Protein backbone atom coordinates (compact mmCIF):
# COMPACT_ATOMS: atom_id res chain seq x y z
CA MET A 1 88.96 96.33 103.93
CA LEU A 2 92.26 96.04 105.74
CA SER A 3 93.28 92.61 106.90
CA GLY A 4 95.89 90.88 109.01
CA THR A 5 96.37 87.78 111.08
CA VAL A 6 95.05 87.42 114.59
CA ALA A 7 98.19 86.68 116.61
CA GLY A 8 98.35 83.51 118.69
CA PHE A 9 94.85 82.29 117.90
CA GLY A 10 95.23 79.62 115.25
CA CYS A 11 92.35 80.99 113.17
CA TRP A 12 93.14 78.82 110.17
CA ALA A 13 93.13 75.60 112.25
CA LEU A 14 89.82 76.59 113.87
CA HIS A 15 88.35 77.39 110.46
CA GLN A 16 89.36 73.96 109.15
CA GLN A 17 87.88 72.20 112.21
CA LEU A 18 84.59 74.06 111.88
CA LEU A 19 84.30 73.00 108.25
CA GLY A 20 84.90 69.35 109.17
CA ASP A 21 81.28 68.31 109.55
CA ALA A 22 77.97 70.14 109.78
CA LEU A 23 79.37 73.49 108.65
CA ARG A 24 80.98 72.12 105.48
CA HIS A 25 80.38 74.43 102.54
CA GLU A 26 82.10 75.70 99.46
CA SER A 27 83.09 79.34 99.15
CA GLU A 28 84.34 81.31 96.19
CA PHE A 29 86.58 83.28 98.58
CA ALA A 30 89.71 82.09 100.39
CA TYR A 31 89.44 82.34 104.18
CA HIS A 32 91.58 84.94 105.91
CA PRO A 33 91.00 86.30 109.40
CA HIS A 34 90.52 90.05 109.24
CA LEU A 35 89.10 93.13 110.87
CA THR A 36 87.22 95.52 108.60
CA VAL A 37 88.00 99.14 109.45
CA ALA A 38 86.60 100.88 106.36
CA GLN A 39 84.08 99.89 103.76
CA ASN A 40 82.28 101.70 100.97
CA VAL A 41 84.36 104.85 101.37
CA PRO A 42 86.23 106.85 98.72
CA ALA A 43 89.69 105.53 97.84
CA VAL A 44 91.40 108.53 99.47
CA GLN A 45 89.77 107.71 102.83
CA LEU A 46 90.70 104.03 102.52
CA ASP A 47 94.29 105.00 101.73
CA ALA A 48 94.34 107.30 104.79
CA ALA A 49 92.99 104.54 107.06
CA LYS A 50 95.58 102.09 105.73
CA ALA A 51 98.40 104.61 106.31
CA ASP A 52 97.18 105.43 109.83
CA LEU A 53 97.05 101.74 110.77
CA LYS A 54 100.20 100.48 109.04
CA ASP A 55 102.10 99.93 112.32
CA VAL A 56 99.14 98.80 114.43
CA GLN A 57 99.22 95.25 115.77
CA ILE A 58 96.15 93.84 117.45
CA THR A 59 96.01 90.83 119.75
CA PHE A 60 92.90 89.70 121.56
CA GLU A 61 91.27 86.64 123.06
CA VAL A 62 88.22 85.21 121.38
CA GLU A 63 85.62 83.66 123.69
CA SER A 64 83.02 82.85 121.05
CA ILE A 65 82.33 83.02 117.36
CA GLU A 66 79.08 83.84 115.63
CA LEU A 67 77.84 82.16 112.49
CA PHE A 68 75.89 84.07 109.86
CA ASP A 69 74.33 83.00 106.58
CA THR A 70 73.41 84.95 103.47
CA ARG A 71 70.76 82.66 102.02
CA SER A 72 68.22 85.48 101.71
CA GLY A 73 70.74 87.93 100.25
CA GLN A 74 71.63 89.61 103.56
CA TRP A 75 73.65 88.68 106.65
CA ASN A 76 71.49 86.76 109.13
CA PHE A 77 72.68 85.65 112.57
CA SER A 78 72.52 81.87 112.90
CA GLU A 79 74.38 80.70 116.01
CA ARG A 80 76.92 81.67 118.69
CA ILE A 81 79.57 79.04 119.57
CA SER A 82 81.49 79.33 122.84
CA LEU A 83 85.21 78.61 122.64
CA LYS A 84 85.69 78.51 126.42
CA SER A 85 86.80 75.17 127.78
């Protein structure tokens, strides 16, 4: 997994607001906005992807977020939340 911040979006602030009430939960992992570009590949392929993307910067607008849960041991879609005002 390669990760980086999402420019101009305030992902951390949004994350904190979402956890304020009904979505409150504990996680063993620290939150960090990211985009997964490779997963379950040999180390040499992951290293190549990281090298190819080292100077890439991505900026985009987010119109909605989707919530998933893993209560049954797999990712299950739960809800889509619009961020449009």
